[in-house]
C-alpha atoms as a PDB file:
ATOM      1  CA  MET A   1      57.774  -3.341  31.372  1.00  0.00           C
ATOM      2  CA  LYS A   2      55.179  -4.283  33.834  1.00  0.00           C
ATOM      3  CA  HIS A   3      53.692  -0.440  33.366  1.00  0.00           C
ATOM      4  CA  ILE A   4      53.737  -0.759  29.749  1.00  0.00           C
ATOM      5  CA  LYS A   5      51.411  -4.040  29.912  1.00  0.00           C
ATOM      6  CA  SER A   6      49.075  -2.633  32.111  1.00  0.00           C
ATOM      7  CA  TYR A   7      48.828   0.714  29.709  1.00  0.00           C
ATOM      8  CA  ILE A   8      48.544  -2.066  26.901  1.00  0.00           C
ATOM      9  CA  LEU A   9      46.196  -3.874  28.406  1.00  0.00           C
ATOM     10  CA  LEU A  10      43.709  -0.659  29.706  1.00  0.00           C
ATOM     11  CA  THR A  11      44.320   0.558  26.091  1.00  0.00           C
ATOM     12  CA  TRP A  12      42.909  -2.745  24.594  1.00  0.00           C
ATOM     13  CA  MET A  13      39.844  -2.560  27.497  1.00  0.00           C
ATOM     14  CA  ALA A  14      39.126   1.052  26.349  1.00  0.00           C
ATOM     15  CA  VAL A  15      39.007   0.314  22.192  1.00  0.00           C
ATOM     16  CA  SER A  16      37.065  -2.786  23.350  1.00  0.00           C
ATOM     17  CA  LEU A  17      34.609  -0.979  25.623  1.00  0.00           C
ATOM     18  CA  VAL A  18      34.243   1.735  22.742  1.00  0.00           C
ATOM     19  CA  GLY A  19      33.554  -1.137  20.181  1.00  0.00           C
ATOM     20  CA  CYS A  20      30.728  -2.131  22.397  1.00  0.00           C
ATOM     21  CA  LYS A  21      29.334   1.034  22.395  1.00  0.00           C
ATOM     22  CA  VAL A  22      29.747   1.396  18.836  1.00  0.00           C
ATOM     23  CA  ASP A  23      27.914  -1.955  18.378  1.00  0.00           C
ATOM     24  CA  ASP A  24      25.275  -1.217  20.505  1.00  0.00           C
ATOM     25  CA  LEU A  25      24.185   1.922  19.108  1.00  0.00           C
ATOM     26  CA  LYS A  26      24.833   0.706  15.516  1.00  0.00           C
ATOM     27  CA  ASP A  27      22.009  -2.125  16.972  1.00  0.00           C
ATOM     28  CA  ASP A  28      19.776   0.459  18.434  1.00  0.00           C
ATOM     29  CA  VAL A  29      19.930   2.043  14.897  1.00  0.00           C
ATOM     30  CA  ASN A  30      18.821  -1.039  13.432  1.00  0.00           C
ATOM     31  CA  ASP A  31      16.086  -1.511  15.485  1.00  0.00           C
ATOM     32  CA  LEU A  32      15.223   1.942  14.902  1.00  0.00           C
ATOM     33  CA  LYS A  33      15.386   1.445  11.010  1.00  0.00           C
ATOM     34  CA  ASN A  34      13.948  -1.892  11.394  1.00  0.00           C
ATOM     35  CA  ARG A  35      10.576  -0.313  13.223  1.00  0.00           C
ATOM     36  CA  VAL A  36      10.192   2.687  10.782  1.00  0.00           C
ATOM     37  CA  THR A  37      10.257  -0.096   7.988  1.00  0.00           C
ATOM     38  CA  LEU A  38       7.426  -1.803   9.424  1.00  0.00           C
ATOM     39  CA  ILE A  39       5.491   1.067  10.313  1.00  0.00           C
ATOM     40  CA  GLU A  40       5.730   2.130   6.963  1.00  0.00           C
ATOM     41  CA  GLU A  41       4.644  -1.124   5.997  1.00  0.00           C
ATOM     42  CA  GLN A  42       1.669  -1.332   8.240  1.00  0.00           C
ATOM     43  CA  VAL A  43       0.438   2.166   7.199  1.00  0.00           C
ATOM     44  CA  ARG A  44       0.367   0.711   3.330  1.00  0.00           C
ATOM     45  CA  ILE A  45      -1.309  -2.709   4.854  1.00  0.00           C
ATOM     46  CA  LEU A  46      -3.996  -0.359   6.769  1.00  0.00           C
ATOM     47  CA  ASN A  47      -4.600   2.056   3.427  1.00  0.00           C
ATOM     48  CA  ASP A  48      -4.461  -0.831   1.151  1.00  0.00           C
ATOM     49  CA  ASN A  49      -7.396  -2.876   3.017  1.00  0.00           C
ATOM     50  CA  VAL A  50      -9.454   0.515   4.166  1.00  0.00           C
ATOM     51  CA  GLU A  51      -9.887   1.085  -0.147  1.00  0.00           C
ATOM     52  CA  VAL A  52     -10.949  -2.258  -0.512  1.00  0.00           C
ATOM     53  CA  MET A  53     -13.437  -2.440   2.830  1.00  0.00           C
ATOM     54  CA  ALA A  54     -15.225   0.924   1.071  1.00  0.00           C
ATOM     55  CA  TYR A  55     -15.394  -0.166  -2.670  1.00  0.00           C
ATOM     56  CA  VAL A  56     -17.118  -3.645  -0.712  1.00  0.00           C
ATOM     57  CA  LEU A  57     -19.299  -0.991   0.899  1.00  0.00           C
ATOM     58  CA  ASP A  58     -20.172   1.221  -1.768  1.00  0.00           C
ATOM     59  CA  PRO A  59     -19.116   0.139  -5.574  1.00  0.00           C
ATOM     60  CA  GLN A  60     -20.563   2.744  -7.492  1.00  0.00           C
ATOM     61  CA  GLN A  61     -21.333  -0.035  -9.578  1.00  0.00           C
ATOM     62  CA  LYS A  62     -18.073  -0.942 -10.724  1.00  0.00           C
ATOM     63  CA  THR A  63     -17.436  -4.836 -11.157  1.00  0.00           C
ATOM     64  CA  ILE A  64     -14.758  -7.037 -10.304  1.00  0.00           C
ATOM     65  CA  ARG A  65     -12.983  -8.279 -13.631  1.00  0.00           C
ATOM     66  CA  SER A  66     -10.150 -10.508 -11.653  1.00  0.00           C
ATOM     67  CA  VAL A  67      -8.433 -11.789  -8.965  1.00  0.00           C
ATOM     68  CA  THR A  68      -5.289 -12.811  -8.410  1.00  0.00           C
ATOM     69  CA  GLU A  69      -3.610 -13.936  -5.410  1.00  0.00           C
ATOM     70  CA  ASN A  70       0.275 -14.581  -4.383  1.00  0.00           C
ATOM     71  CA  ASN A  71       0.879 -15.247  -0.384  1.00  0.00           C
ATOM     72  CA  GLY A  72      -2.008 -13.772   0.767  1.00  0.00           C
ATOM     73  CA  GLN A  73      -2.126 -10.679  -0.908  1.00  0.00           C
ATOM     74  CA  TYR A  74      -5.164 -10.528  -3.335  1.00  0.00           C
ATOM     75  CA  VAL A  75      -4.972  -8.152  -6.583  1.00  0.00           C
ATOM     76  CA  ILE A  76      -8.231  -7.077  -7.538  1.00  0.00           C
ATOM     77  CA  THR A  77      -9.148  -5.862 -11.114  1.00  0.00           C
ATOM     78  CA  LEU A  78     -12.067  -3.780 -11.308  1.00  0.00           C
ATOM     79  CA  SER A  79     -14.381  -3.476 -14.574  1.00  0.00           C
ATOM     80  CA  ASP A  80     -12.612   0.258 -15.391  1.00  0.00           C
ATOM     81  CA  GLY A  81      -9.467  -1.535 -14.896  1.00  0.00           C
ATOM     82  CA  TYR A  82      -8.274   0.381 -11.570  1.00  0.00           C
ATOM     83  CA  THR A  83      -6.807  -2.050  -9.387  1.00  0.00           C
ATOM     84  CA  MET A  84      -6.826  -2.325  -5.658  1.00  0.00           C
ATOM     85  CA  THR A  85      -5.009  -4.902  -2.969  1.00  0.00           C
ATOM     86  CA  LEU A  86      -6.636  -6.823  -0.390  1.00  0.00           C
ATOM     87  CA  ASN A  87      -3.735  -8.184   2.716  1.00  0.00           C
ATOM     88  CA  VAL A  88      -4.930 -11.380   4.725  1.00  0.00           C
ATOM     89  CA  GLY A  89      -2.165 -12.176   7.439  1.00  0.00           C
ATOM     90  CA  LYS A  90      -1.741 -12.388  10.989  1.00  0.00           C
ATOM     91  CA  ALA A  91      -2.462 -10.350  13.801  1.00  0.00           C
ATOM     92  CA  GLY A  92       0.845  -8.085  15.233  1.00  0.00           C
ATOM     93  CA  SER A  93       1.981  -6.403  18.277  1.00  0.00           C
ATOM     94  CA  ILE A  94       1.620  -2.547  15.897  1.00  0.00           C
ATOM     95  CA  VAL A  95      -1.904  -1.473  17.249  1.00  0.00           C
ATOM     96  CA  GLN A  96      -3.560  -0.271  14.153  1.00  0.00           C
ATOM     97  CA  PRO A  97      -6.895   1.439  14.542  1.00  0.00           C
ATOM     98  CA  ALA A  98     -10.233  -0.338  14.768  1.00  0.00           C
ATOM     99  CA  ILE A  99     -12.103   0.778  11.315  1.00  0.00           C
ATOM    100  CA  SER A 100     -16.046  -0.151  11.454  1.00  0.00           C
ATOM    101  CA  VAL A 101     -19.335   1.539   9.900  1.00  0.00           C
ATOM    102  CA  GLU A 102     -22.496   2.261  12.091  1.00  0.00           C
ATOM    103  CA  ASN A 103     -25.498   4.139  10.627  1.00  0.00           C
ATOM    104  CA  GLY A 104     -23.473   4.495   7.147  1.00  0.00           C
ATOM    105  CA  CYS A 105     -20.509   6.643   8.539  1.00  0.00           C
ATOM    106  CA  TRP A 106     -17.239   5.631   9.445  1.00  0.00           C
ATOM    107  CA  VAL A 107     -16.299   4.798  13.007  1.00  0.00           C
ATOM    108  CA  VAL A 108     -12.555   5.180  13.939  1.00  0.00           C
ATOM    109  CA  ASN A 109     -11.379   3.507  17.607  1.00  0.00           C
ATOM    110  CA  GLY A 110     -15.006   3.879  18.430  1.00  0.00           C
ATOM    111  CA  LEU A 111     -15.807   7.240  17.246  1.00  0.00           C
ATOM    112  CA  SER A 112     -17.862   8.282  14.623  1.00  0.00           C
ATOM    113  CA  THR A 113     -16.182  10.632  11.949  1.00  0.00           C
ATOM    114  CA  GLY A 114     -19.654  11.754  10.464  1.00  0.00           C
ATOM    115  CA  VAL A 115     -18.635  10.676   6.876  1.00  0.00           C
ATOM    116  CA  LYS A 116     -20.729   8.264   5.054  1.00  0.00           C
ATOM    117  CA  ALA A 117     -19.082   5.333   4.108  1.00  0.00           C
ATOM    118  CA  VAL A 118     -22.384   4.566   1.894  1.00  0.00           C
ATOM    119  CA  GLY A 119     -24.351   6.948  -0.002  1.00  0.00           C
ATOM    120  CA  GLU A 120     -27.764   7.418   0.009  1.00  0.00           C
ATOM    121  CA  ASN A 121     -30.551   8.035  -2.562  1.00  0.00           C
ATOM    122  CA  GLY A 122     -28.043   6.592  -5.623  1.00  0.00           C
ATOM    123  CA  LYS A 123     -25.015   8.994  -4.448  1.00  0.00           C
ATOM    124  CA  ASP A 124     -21.684   7.841  -3.943  1.00  0.00           C
ATOM    125  CA  GLY A 125     -20.189   8.281  -0.322  1.00  0.00           C
ATOM    126  CA  ASP A 126     -18.085  10.916   1.170  1.00  0.00           C
ATOM    127  CA  GLY A 127     -14.539   8.906   0.682  1.00  0.00           C
ATOM    128  CA  TYR A 128     -12.726   6.678   2.489  1.00  0.00           C
ATOM    129  CA  PRO A 129     -10.135   7.314   5.699  1.00  0.00           C
ATOM    130  CA  GLU A 130      -6.377   7.590   4.765  1.00  0.00           C
ATOM    131  CA  PHE A 131      -4.187   6.654   7.563  1.00  0.00           C
ATOM    132  CA  ARG A 132      -0.179   7.710   8.663  1.00  0.00           C
ATOM    133  CA  VAL A 133       1.811   7.486  11.404  1.00  0.00           C
ATOM    134  CA  GLN A 134       3.149  11.159  12.780  1.00  0.00           C
ATOM    135  CA  ASN A 135       4.636  11.488  16.086  1.00  0.00           C
ATOM    136  CA  GLY A 136       4.053   8.046  17.353  1.00  0.00           C
ATOM    137  CA  LYS A 137       0.582   8.604  16.678  1.00  0.00           C
ATOM    138  CA  TRP A 138      -1.686   7.344  14.015  1.00  0.00           C
ATOM    139  CA  GLN A 139      -3.408  10.305  12.109  1.00  0.00           C
ATOM    140  CA  VAL A 140      -6.344   9.892  10.110  1.00  0.00           C
ATOM    141  CA  ARG A 141      -7.965  12.296   7.526  1.00  0.00           C
ATOM    142  CA  PHE A 142     -10.566  11.591   4.450  1.00  0.00           C
ATOM    143  CA  GLY A 143      -9.967  13.250   0.740  1.00  0.00           C
ATOM    144  CA  ASP A 144      -7.756  16.122   0.822  1.00  0.00           C
ATOM    145  CA  GLY A 145      -8.818  17.203   4.322  1.00  0.00           C
ATOM    146  CA  GLU A 146      -6.614  17.667   7.727  1.00  0.00           C
ATOM    147  CA  TRP A 147      -4.713  15.246   9.310  1.00  0.00           C
ATOM    148  CA  THR A 148      -6.266  14.664  13.133  1.00  0.00           C
ATOM    149  CA  ASP A 149      -4.567  12.435  15.808  1.00  0.00           C
ATOM    150  CA  VAL A 150      -7.259   9.244  15.718  1.00  0.00           C
ATOM    151  CA  ASN A 151      -9.225   8.573  19.362  1.00  0.00           C
ATOM    152  CA  GLY A 152      -6.769   6.512  21.586  1.00  0.00           C
ATOM    153  CA  GLY A 153      -4.481   6.624  18.540  1.00  0.00           C
ATOM    154  CA  ASP A 154      -0.744   5.771  20.310  1.00  0.00           C
ATOM    155  CA  LEU A 155       1.221   3.644  18.336  1.00  0.00           C
ATOM    156  CA  GLY A 156       2.936   1.798  21.293  1.00  0.00           C
ATOM    157  CA  THR A 157       6.286  -0.058  21.104  1.00  0.00           C
ATOM    158  CA  GLY A 158       5.590  -3.334  19.458  1.00  0.00           C
ATOM    159  CA  THR A 159       7.419  -3.932  15.813  1.00  0.00           C
ATOM    160  CA  SER A 160       5.586  -6.868  14.586  1.00  0.00           C
ATOM    161  CA  LEU A 161       3.790  -6.792  11.428  1.00  0.00           C
ATOM    162  CA  GLY A 162      -0.264  -7.661  11.217  1.00  0.00           C
ATOM    163  CA  ASP A 163      -2.578  -6.800   8.725  1.00  0.00           C
ATOM    164  CA  GLN A 164      -6.086  -8.277  10.756  1.00  0.00           C
ATOM    165  CA  PHE A 165      -8.202  -6.375   8.863  1.00  0.00           C
ATOM    166  CA  PHE A 166      -9.795  -9.602   7.138  1.00  0.00           C
ATOM    167  CA  GLU A 167      -9.533 -12.823   8.289  1.00  0.00           C
ATOM    168  CA  SER A 168      -9.766 -14.610   4.762  1.00  0.00           C
ATOM    169  CA  ALA A 169     -10.574 -14.225   1.207  1.00  0.00           C
ATOM    170  CA  SER A 170     -11.179 -17.060  -1.208  1.00  0.00           C
ATOM    171  CA  LEU A 171     -11.981 -16.731  -4.711  1.00  0.00           C
ATOM    172  CA  SER A 172     -14.373 -19.544  -5.736  1.00  0.00           C
ATOM    173  CA  GLU A 173     -13.368 -22.665  -8.115  1.00  0.00           C
ATOM    174  CA  ASP A 174     -15.157 -21.458 -10.725  1.00  0.00           C
ATOM    175  CA  GLY A 175     -13.583 -17.892 -10.582  1.00  0.00           C
ATOM    176  CA  THR A 176     -17.089 -16.341 -10.617  1.00  0.00           C
ATOM    177  CA  VAL A 177     -17.021 -15.226  -6.550  1.00  0.00           C
ATOM    178  CA  PHE A 178     -14.571 -13.510  -4.336  1.00  0.00           C
ATOM    179  CA  THR A 179     -15.479 -14.253  -0.898  1.00  0.00           C
ATOM    180  CA  ILE A 180     -13.921 -12.099   2.081  1.00  0.00           C
ATOM    181  CA  LEU A 181     -14.342 -12.608   5.775  1.00  0.00           C
ATOM    182  CA  ARG A 182     -13.813  -9.584   8.028  1.00  0.00           C
ATOM    183  CA  THR A 183     -12.322  -9.968  11.531  1.00  0.00           C
ATOM    184  CA  ASP A 184     -15.547  -9.130  13.134  1.00  0.00           C
ATOM    185  CA  GLY A 185     -17.166 -11.973  10.948  1.00  0.00           C
ATOM    186  CA  THR A 186     -18.794 -10.155   8.734  1.00  0.00           C
ATOM    187  CA  GLU A 187     -18.743 -12.126   5.275  1.00  0.00           C
ATOM    188  CA  TYR A 188     -19.541 -10.406   1.437  1.00  0.00           C
ATOM    189  CA  ALA A 189     -19.632 -12.710  -1.373  1.00  0.00           C
ATOM    190  CA  LEU A 190     -18.758 -10.435  -4.361  1.00  0.00           C
ATOM    191  CA  PRO A 191     -19.506 -11.479  -8.088  1.00  0.00           C
ATOM    192  CA  VAL A 192     -16.585 -11.277 -10.433  1.00  0.00           C
ATOM    193  CA  ALA A 193     -17.558 -10.292 -14.191  1.00  0.00           C
ATOM    194  CA  ALA A 194     -14.491 -11.154 -16.309  1.00  0.00           C
ATOM    195  CA  ALA A 195     -15.957 -10.286 -19.200  1.00  0.00           C
ATOM    196  CA  LEU A 196     -17.640  -7.054 -18.046  1.00  0.00           C
ATOM    197  CA  THR A 197     -15.382  -4.442 -19.099  1.00  0.00           C
ATOM    198  CA  CYS A 198     -15.936  -0.609 -19.282  1.00  0.00           C
ATOM    199  CA  GLU A 199     -12.651   1.610 -19.458  1.00  0.00           C
ATOM    200  CA  ILE A 200     -11.943   5.436 -20.561  1.00  0.00           C
ATOM    201  CA  GLU A 201      -9.001   6.176 -21.556  1.00  0.00           C
ATOM    202  CA  ASP A 202      -6.935   9.395 -20.848  1.00  0.00           C
ATOM    203  CA  ALA A 203      -8.823  10.480 -17.651  1.00  0.00           C
ATOM    204  CA  PRO A 204      -8.774  12.960 -16.023  1.00  0.00           C
ATOM    205  CA  ALA A 205      -9.495  15.447 -18.906  1.00  0.00           C
ATOM    206  CA  THR A 206      -9.289  19.842 -19.744  1.00  0.00           C
ATOM    207  CA  PHE A 207     -11.463  21.762 -21.720  1.00  0.00           C
ATOM    208  CA  ALA A 208     -11.798  25.250 -23.261  1.00  0.00           C
ATOM    209  CA  TYR A 209     -15.339  26.530 -24.225  1.00  0.00           C
ATOM    210  CA  ASP A 210     -16.515  24.888 -26.967  1.00  0.00           C
ATOM    211  CA  ASP A 211     -13.969  22.373 -27.183  1.00  0.00           C
ATOM    212  CA  VAL A 212     -15.052  19.103 -28.820  1.00  0.00           C
ATOM    213  CA  LYS A 213     -12.664  15.464 -27.720  1.00  0.00           C
ATOM    214  CA  ASP A 214     -12.872  12.219 -28.377  1.00  0.00           C
ATOM    215  CA  PHE A 215     -11.605   9.468 -26.141  1.00  0.00           C
ATOM    216  CA  GLY A 216     -11.776   5.370 -26.615  1.00  0.00           C
ATOM    217  CA  VAL A 217     -13.953   3.495 -24.676  1.00  0.00           C
ATOM    218  CA  LYS A 218     -13.286  -0.111 -23.727  1.00  0.00           C
ATOM    219  CA  ILE A 219     -16.610  -2.063 -23.524  1.00  0.00           C
ATOM    220  CA  SER A 220     -17.552  -5.500 -23.294  1.00  0.00           C
ATOM    221  CA  GLY A 221     -19.769  -8.132 -22.078  1.00  0.00           C
ATOM    222  CA  GLY A 222     -23.131  -5.819 -21.421  1.00  0.00           C
ATOM    223  CA  GLU A 223     -25.191  -3.316 -23.041  1.00  0.00           C
ATOM    224  CA  PRO A 224     -23.511   0.373 -22.818  1.00  0.00           C
ATOM    225  CA  LEU A 225     -26.451   2.982 -21.942  1.00  0.00           C
ATOM    226  CA  ALA A 226     -26.327   6.647 -22.752  1.00  0.00           C
ATOM    227  CA  PRO A 227     -23.628   8.776 -21.009  1.00  0.00           C
ATOM    228  CA  VAL A 228     -24.628  10.693 -18.169  1.00  0.00           C
ATOM    229  CA  TYR A 229     -22.945  14.376 -18.208  1.00  0.00           C
ATOM    230  CA  PRO A 230     -23.791  17.672 -16.135  1.00  0.00           C
ATOM    231  CA  ALA A 231     -25.588  20.576 -17.065  1.00  0.00           C
ATOM    232  CA  GLY A 232     -24.218  22.645 -19.878  1.00  0.00           C
ATOM    233  CA  TRP A 233     -21.849  19.736 -21.180  1.00  0.00           C
ATOM    234  CA  ARG A 234     -22.952  16.596 -23.671  1.00  0.00           C
ATOM    235  CA  ALA A 235     -22.038  13.484 -24.916  1.00  0.00           C
ATOM    236  CA  GLU A 236     -22.217  10.523 -27.056  1.00  0.00           C
ATOM    237  CA  LEU A 237     -21.013   6.921 -27.130  1.00  0.00           C
ATOM    238  CA  ILE A 238     -20.353   5.399 -30.475  1.00  0.00           C
ATOM    239  CA  LYS A 239     -19.309   2.524 -31.593  1.00  0.00           C
ATOM    240  CA  LYS A 240     -16.090   1.782 -33.792  1.00  0.00           C
ATOM    241  CA  GLU A 241     -16.434  -0.614 -37.074  1.00  0.00           C
ATOM    242  CA  THR A 242     -13.070  -2.104 -35.550  1.00  0.00           C
ATOM    243  CA  PRO A 243     -11.317  -1.844 -32.309  1.00  0.00           C
ATOM    244  CA  ASP A 244      -8.179   0.407 -32.524  1.00  0.00           C
ATOM    245  CA  ALA A 245      -4.557  -0.665 -31.864  1.00  0.00           C
ATOM    246  CA  GLY A 246      -5.542  -0.164 -27.655  1.00  0.00           C
ATOM    247  CA  GLY A 247      -8.178  -2.079 -27.938  1.00  0.00           C
ATOM    248  CA  TYR A 248     -11.231   0.403 -27.574  1.00  0.00           C
ATOM    249  CA  ASN A 249     -14.184  -0.385 -29.576  1.00  0.00           C
ATOM    250  CA  TYR A 250     -16.522   2.751 -28.765  1.00  0.00           C
ATOM    251  CA  THR A 251     -15.685   6.284 -29.102  1.00  0.00           C
ATOM    252  CA  LEU A 252     -16.719   9.414 -26.583  1.00  0.00           C
ATOM    253  CA  THR A 253     -17.356  12.038 -28.119  1.00  0.00           C
ATOM    254  CA  VAL A 254     -17.379  14.992 -25.102  1.00  0.00           C
ATOM    255  CA  TYR A 255     -18.637  18.271 -25.849  1.00  0.00           C
ATOM    256  CA  ALA A 256     -17.751  21.492 -23.517  1.00  0.00           C
ATOM    257  CA  PRO A 257     -20.030  24.137 -22.745  1.00  0.00           C
ATOM    258  CA  ALA A 258     -20.895  26.720 -24.897  1.00  0.00           C
ATOM    259  CA  GLY A 259     -19.303  30.063 -24.194  1.00  0.00           C
ATOM    260  CA  SER A 260     -21.847  32.238 -25.420  1.00  0.00           C
ATOM    261  CA  ARG A 261     -24.519  30.620 -23.319  1.00  0.00           C
ATOM    262  CA  SER A 262     -25.533  32.172 -20.463  1.00  0.00           C
ATOM    263  CA  VAL A 263     -26.521  29.439 -18.680  1.00  0.00           C
ATOM    264  CA  ILE A 264     -23.485  28.728 -15.939  1.00  0.00           C
ATOM    265  CA  ALA A 265     -22.060  25.351 -16.584  1.00  0.00           C
ATOM    266  CA  ASP A 266     -20.283  22.936 -13.865  1.00  0.00           C
ATOM    267  CA  ASN A 267     -16.610  23.811 -14.170  1.00  0.00           C
ATOM    268  CA  THR A 268     -15.513  20.991 -13.080  1.00  0.00           C
ATOM    269  CA  SER A 269     -17.160  17.209 -12.976  1.00  0.00           C
ATOM    270  CA  GLU A 270     -17.552  14.028 -14.888  1.00  0.00           C
ATOM    271  CA  ILE A 271     -18.741  11.994 -17.767  1.00  0.00           C
ATOM    272  CA  ILE A 272     -20.343   9.055 -16.712  1.00  0.00           C
ATOM    273  CA  VAL A 273     -20.302   5.862 -19.130  1.00  0.00           C
ATOM    274  CA  ARG A 274     -22.551   2.889 -17.874  1.00  0.00           C
ATOM    275  CA  VAL A 275     -22.547  -0.814 -19.046  1.00  0.00           C
ATOM    276  CA  ASN A 276     -24.907  -3.380 -17.830  1.00  0.00           C
ATOM    277  CA  GLN A 277     -25.034  -7.277 -17.860  1.00  0.00           C
ATOM    278  CA  GLY A 278     -28.204  -8.556 -15.685  1.00  0.00           C
ATOM    279  CA  THR A 279     -27.969  -7.594 -12.396  1.00  0.00           C
ATOM    280  CA  LEU A 280     -24.609  -6.372 -12.949  1.00  0.00           C
ATOM    281  CA  TRP A 281     -22.998  -3.058 -14.126  1.00  0.00           C
ATOM    282  CA  ALA A 282     -19.792  -1.307 -15.214  1.00  0.00           C
ATOM    283  CA  VAL A 283     -18.977   2.382 -14.701  1.00  0.00           C
ATOM    284  CA  ASP A 284     -16.552   4.586 -15.724  1.00  0.00           C
ATOM    285  CA  LYS A 285     -15.841   8.395 -15.357  1.00  0.00           C
ATOM    286  CA  LEU A 286     -14.083  10.764 -17.130  1.00  0.00           C
ATOM    287  CA  GLN A 287     -13.285  13.516 -14.932  1.00  0.00           C
ATOM    288  CA  VAL A 288     -13.612  17.144 -16.928  1.00  0.00           C
ATOM    289  CA  SER A 289     -12.748  20.243 -16.524  1.00  0.00           C
ATOM    290  CA  ILE A 290     -12.967  24.107 -18.054  1.00  0.00           C
ATOM    291  CA  THR A 291      -9.580  25.820 -18.295  1.00  0.00           C
ATOM    292  CA  SER A 292     -10.208  28.988 -20.347  1.00  0.00           C
ATOM    293  CA  ALA A 293     -13.009  31.604 -19.614  1.00  0.00           C
ATOM    294  CA  PRO A 294     -15.428  32.289 -22.786  1.00  0.00           C
END
């Protein structure tokens, strides 16, 4: 009988030990899942904030139409309808890359990338960095370029989430100025022009040679200028007598290059529509390309 009791006790102890190991394994897996979720969230927040910073440095004549706030997260809508998200939070133990701009170029963890953040002589900048985590390291790329490891970009072992790219953000009482304070003490005061709008529908667009296509445009708060178009293309902006069901009150007519021309036209480029209100501008671009040869 004693042997039977001992056997039962040992069996129970073995089952308990196995149960403890299984529970420990579950805890480890859950901790790993939580860490992966936090890292994914950190990457999203970092990329969102870098996009906002790129706009602050080089607005490309796009004004802010509206700003809405929810628990430290600001959704910014631009004059062409595009939205960005700015996150304000607190420091975490997941160390994200240090990002700055020196001599007009993006600097990541102290090393200049050589990629221009601010355009020169009226040109746009070269884009802004996008980040991800791969094999325990931060990686960065610009546009469709190759992913490269960030200098000193080991992720570390922390598991708390932070988003200290911006120290604070606030909208003035009258809703006309959006102020952003970076963690390095740099402050930006961005005008908000709710009525200033320039928004083209259905972009991008593909054409055959000799094609003519119409696009609706929403314009408000200012006077539009003649469209800007590349060599070989042509575009006209005409006000409608009454806005259509979508609220588009202008028509942008785009003429693709003629197939019989000997002049080589830009195969892929953009048509630009601009609206001016004093010192403020609203701009939208229609990406156009030729898909068939003459």
